[in-house]
Amino acid sequence: MRPRLTDNEKRNTALTIRVSREEKIRIKSLTKIGKFGCISDLIRTRIFNFNKKVINLDEEASTQIKLTDYELNKIGVNLNQIAKKINTHDVYQFSADDRLVFKQVLQELRNCFSVLQKYMDRLDTGR
């Protein structure tokens, strides 16, 4: 979940500019090359000279992050199923299977954290 923004931080005012088709293609290309999330980020960076840190990942790191994201999603699905089961029955008691699922979820979370920490350490050291 994203953190709440203050009124000063919200970007809710649109600015319209007209460009040629070729200029638009060039702007989109600069956005992709610069690894900006959107054209607005590129323009704000260029105009206001914001320093945006761009992180380049090797193929192994990119693949590992995608796998970690997939695993975290699976864990979230499991947690939602558990919460639904608990909230559906007023007198529900945890079974041995539930405890096993909790242990598996905890281990997967630890594994994901370990992988993410490894890549964050690599980013910090610049390797």
C-alpha atoms as a PDB file:
ATOM      1  CA  MET A   1       0.000   0.000   0.000  1.00  0.00           C
ATOM      2  CA  ARG A   2       1.325   3.438  -0.865  1.00  0.00           C
ATOM      3  CA  PRO A   3       1.858   5.981   1.900  1.00  0.00           C
ATOM      4  CA  ARG A   4      -0.588   8.856   2.057  1.00  0.00           C
ATOM      5  CA  LEU A   5       0.594  12.065   0.445  1.00  0.00           C
ATOM      6  CA  THR A   6       0.072  15.512   1.885  1.00  0.00           C
ATOM      7  CA  ASP A   7      -1.905  18.005  -0.181  1.00  0.00           C
ATOM      8  CA  ASN A   8       1.358  19.672  -1.235  1.00  0.00           C
ATOM      9  CA  GLU A   9       2.780  16.358  -2.471  1.00  0.00           C
ATOM     10  CA  LYS A  10      -0.263  15.303  -4.512  1.00  0.00           C
ATOM     11  CA  ARG A  11       0.069  15.706  -8.240  1.00  0.00           C
ATOM     12  CA  ASN A  12      -3.502  16.359  -9.273  1.00  0.00           C
ATOM     13  CA  THR A  13      -3.086  19.283 -11.689  1.00  0.00           C
ATOM     14  CA  ALA A  14      -2.704  18.390 -15.350  1.00  0.00           C
ATOM     15  CA  LEU A  15      -0.477  20.280 -17.766  1.00  0.00           C
ATOM     16  CA  THR A  16      -1.140  19.826 -21.460  1.00  0.00           C
ATOM     17  CA  ILE A  17       1.485  20.473 -24.106  1.00  0.00           C
ATOM     18  CA  ARG A  18       1.375  19.893 -27.820  1.00  0.00           C
ATOM     19  CA  VAL A  19       4.166  18.060 -29.592  1.00  0.00           C
ATOM     20  CA  SER A  20       4.612  16.570 -33.029  1.00  0.00           C
ATOM     21  CA  ARG A  21       4.358  12.827 -33.602  1.00  0.00           C
ATOM     22  CA  GLU A  22       8.156  12.603 -33.935  1.00  0.00           C
ATOM     23  CA  GLU A  23       8.671  14.551 -30.710  1.00  0.00           C
ATOM     24  CA  LYS A  24       6.289  12.242 -28.867  1.00  0.00           C
ATOM     25  CA  ILE A  25       8.156   9.183 -30.157  1.00  0.00           C
ATOM     26  CA  ARG A  26      11.435  10.746 -29.024  1.00  0.00           C
ATOM     27  CA  ILE A  27      10.038  11.586 -25.588  1.00  0.00           C
ATOM     28  CA  LYS A  28       8.756   8.012 -25.143  1.00  0.00           C
ATOM     29  CA  SER A  29      12.141   6.680 -26.215  1.00  0.00           C
ATOM     30  CA  LEU A  30      13.934   8.930 -23.704  1.00  0.00           C
ATOM     31  CA  THR A  31      11.553   7.714 -21.018  1.00  0.00           C
ATOM     32  CA  LYS A  32      12.414   4.062 -21.715  1.00  0.00           C
ATOM     33  CA  ILE A  33      16.143   4.688 -22.103  1.00  0.00           C
ATOM     34  CA  GLY A  34      16.253   6.675 -18.863  1.00  0.00           C
ATOM     35  CA  LYS A  35      14.247   3.953 -17.073  1.00  0.00           C
ATOM     36  CA  PHE A  36      11.619   6.463 -15.974  1.00  0.00           C
ATOM     37  CA  GLY A  37       8.255   5.104 -14.900  1.00  0.00           C
ATOM     38  CA  CYS A  38       6.360   7.554 -17.064  1.00  0.00           C
ATOM     39  CA  ILE A  39       6.784  10.611 -19.267  1.00  0.00           C
ATOM     40  CA  SER A  40       5.845  12.876 -16.338  1.00  0.00           C
ATOM     41  CA  ASP A  41       8.827  11.600 -14.320  1.00  0.00           C
ATOM     42  CA  LEU A  42      11.166  12.308 -17.234  1.00  0.00           C
ATOM     43  CA  ILE A  43       9.852  15.839 -17.720  1.00  0.00           C
ATOM     44  CA  ARG A  44       9.897  16.689 -14.008  1.00  0.00           C
ATOM     45  CA  THR A  45      13.455  15.381 -13.748  1.00  0.00           C
ATOM     46  CA  ARG A  46      14.613  17.381 -16.743  1.00  0.00           C
ATOM     47  CA  ILE A  47      12.840  20.593 -15.743  1.00  0.00           C
ATOM     48  CA  PHE A  48      13.394  20.593 -11.994  1.00  0.00           C
ATOM     49  CA  ASN A  49      16.719  18.738 -12.095  1.00  0.00           C
ATOM     50  CA  PHE A  50      15.584  16.115  -9.617  1.00  0.00           C
ATOM     51  CA  ASN A  51      18.163  13.433  -9.033  1.00  0.00           C
ATOM     52  CA  LYS A  52      16.495  10.138  -9.698  1.00  0.00           C
ATOM     53  CA  LYS A  53      18.556   7.097  -8.878  1.00  0.00           C
ATOM     54  CA  VAL A  54      18.431   4.545 -11.647  1.00  0.00           C
ATOM     55  CA  ILE A  55      19.249   0.991 -10.681  1.00  0.00           C
ATOM     56  CA  ASN A  56      20.481  -1.348 -13.381  1.00  0.00           C
ATOM     57  CA  LEU A  57      20.138  -5.014 -12.556  1.00  0.00           C
ATOM     58  CA  ASP A  58      21.844  -7.906 -14.247  1.00  0.00           C
ATOM     59  CA  GLU A  59      19.746 -10.732 -15.681  1.00  0.00           C
ATOM     60  CA  GLU A  60      20.208 -12.916 -12.578  1.00  0.00           C
ATOM     61  CA  ALA A  61      19.047 -10.180 -10.203  1.00  0.00           C
ATOM     62  CA  SER A  62      16.070  -9.319 -12.391  1.00  0.00           C
ATOM     63  CA  THR A  63      14.995 -12.965 -12.578  1.00  0.00           C
ATOM     64  CA  GLN A  64      15.432 -13.439  -8.836  1.00  0.00           C
ATOM     65  CA  ILE A  65      13.361 -10.354  -8.040  1.00  0.00           C
ATOM     66  CA  LYS A  66      10.571 -11.589 -10.337  1.00  0.00           C
ATOM     67  CA  LEU A  67      10.618 -14.981  -8.594  1.00  0.00           C
ATOM     68  CA  THR A  68      10.586 -13.292  -5.191  1.00  0.00           C
ATOM     69  CA  ASP A  69       7.638 -11.148  -6.240  1.00  0.00           C
ATOM     70  CA  TYR A  70       5.807 -14.295  -7.364  1.00  0.00           C
ATOM     71  CA  GLU A  71       6.520 -16.033  -4.052  1.00  0.00           C
ATOM     72  CA  LEU A  72       5.384 -13.002  -2.048  1.00  0.00           C
ATOM     73  CA  ASN A  73       2.145 -12.966  -4.025  1.00  0.00           C
ATOM     74  CA  LYS A  74       1.571 -16.656  -3.256  1.00  0.00           C
ATOM     75  CA  ILE A  75       2.183 -15.960   0.438  1.00  0.00           C
ATOM     76  CA  GLY A  76      -0.349 -13.124   0.330  1.00  0.00           C
ATOM     77  CA  VAL A  77      -2.937 -15.442  -1.223  1.00  0.00           C
ATOM     78  CA  ASN A  78      -2.330 -18.016   1.520  1.00  0.00           C
ATOM     79  CA  LEU A  79      -2.662 -15.379   4.231  1.00  0.00           C
ATOM     80  CA  ASN A  80      -5.935 -14.143   2.720  1.00  0.00           C
ATOM     81  CA  GLN A  81      -7.304 -17.695   2.661  1.00  0.00           C
ATOM     82  CA  ILE A  82      -6.342 -18.181   6.293  1.00  0.00           C
ATOM     83  CA  ALA A  83      -7.891 -14.864   7.315  1.00  0.00           C
ATOM     84  CA  LYS A  84     -11.097 -15.707   5.470  1.00  0.00           C
ATOM     85  CA  LYS A  85     -11.310 -19.096   7.175  1.00  0.00           C
ATOM     86  CA  ILE A  86     -10.712 -17.563  10.599  1.00  0.00           C
ATOM     87  CA  ASN A  87     -13.229 -14.751  10.064  1.00  0.00           C
ATOM     88  CA  THR A  88     -15.887 -17.061   8.599  1.00  0.00           C
ATOM     89  CA  HIS A  89     -16.187 -19.283  11.664  1.00  0.00           C
ATOM     90  CA  ASP A  90     -16.661 -17.739  15.102  1.00  0.00           C
ATOM     91  CA  VAL A  91     -15.345 -20.770  16.979  1.00  0.00           C
ATOM     92  CA  TYR A  92     -12.636 -21.835  14.564  1.00  0.00           C
ATOM     93  CA  GLN A  93      -9.654 -23.566  16.177  1.00  0.00           C
ATOM     94  CA  PHE A  94      -6.262 -23.791  14.477  1.00  0.00           C
ATOM     95  CA  SER A  95      -5.541 -27.271  13.210  1.00  0.00           C
ATOM     96  CA  ALA A  96      -2.160 -28.914  12.754  1.00  0.00           C
ATOM     97  CA  ASP A  97      -2.489 -28.141   9.028  1.00  0.00           C
ATOM     98  CA  ASP A  98      -2.993 -24.455   9.819  1.00  0.00           C
ATOM     99  CA  ARG A  99       0.118 -24.410  11.978  1.00  0.00           C
ATOM    100  CA  LEU A 100       2.075 -26.073   9.187  1.00  0.00           C
ATOM    101  CA  VAL A 101       0.878 -23.465   6.683  1.00  0.00           C
ATOM    102  CA  PHE A 102       1.884 -20.681   9.085  1.00  0.00           C
ATOM    103  CA  LYS A 103       5.352 -22.186   9.441  1.00  0.00           C
ATOM    104  CA  GLN A 104       5.704 -22.492   5.654  1.00  0.00           C
ATOM    105  CA  VAL A 105       4.565 -18.913   5.140  1.00  0.00           C
ATOM    106  CA  LEU A 106       7.017 -17.667   7.755  1.00  0.00           C
ATOM    107  CA  GLN A 107       9.870 -19.598   6.124  1.00  0.00           C
ATOM    108  CA  GLU A 108       8.994 -18.227   2.676  1.00  0.00           C
ATOM    109  CA  LEU A 109       8.906 -14.697   4.067  1.00  0.00           C
ATOM    110  CA  ARG A 110      12.349 -15.249   5.587  1.00  0.00           C
ATOM    111  CA  ASN A 111      13.642 -16.585   2.257  1.00  0.00           C
ATOM    112  CA  CYS A 112      12.228 -13.596   0.364  1.00  0.00           C
ATOM    113  CA  PHE A 113      13.711 -11.172   2.857  1.00  0.00           C
ATOM    114  CA  SER A 114      17.078 -12.884   2.582  1.00  0.00           C
ATOM    115  CA  VAL A 115      17.079 -12.615  -1.209  1.00  0.00           C
ATOM    116  CA  LEU A 116      15.990  -8.980  -1.143  1.00  0.00           C
ATOM    117  CA  GLN A 117      18.633  -8.169   1.482  1.00  0.00           C
ATOM    118  CA  LYS A 118      21.312  -9.783  -0.685  1.00  0.00           C
ATOM    119  CA  TYR A 119      20.426  -7.598  -3.653  1.00  0.00           C
ATOM    120  CA  MET A 120      20.103  -4.464  -1.524  1.00  0.00           C
ATOM    121  CA  ASP A 121      23.602  -5.119  -0.158  1.00  0.00           C
ATOM    122  CA  ARG A 122      24.882  -5.466  -3.720  1.00  0.00           C
ATOM    123  CA  LEU A 123      23.255  -2.155  -4.659  1.00  0.00           C
ATOM    124  CA  ASP A 124      24.775  -0.428  -1.622  1.00  0.00           C
ATOM    125  CA  THR A 125      28.277  -1.642  -2.455  1.00  0.00           C
ATOM    126  CA  GLY A 126      27.848  -0.915  -6.169  1.00  0.00           C
ATOM    127  CA  ARG A 127      28.642  -4.459  -7.337  1.00  0.00           C
END
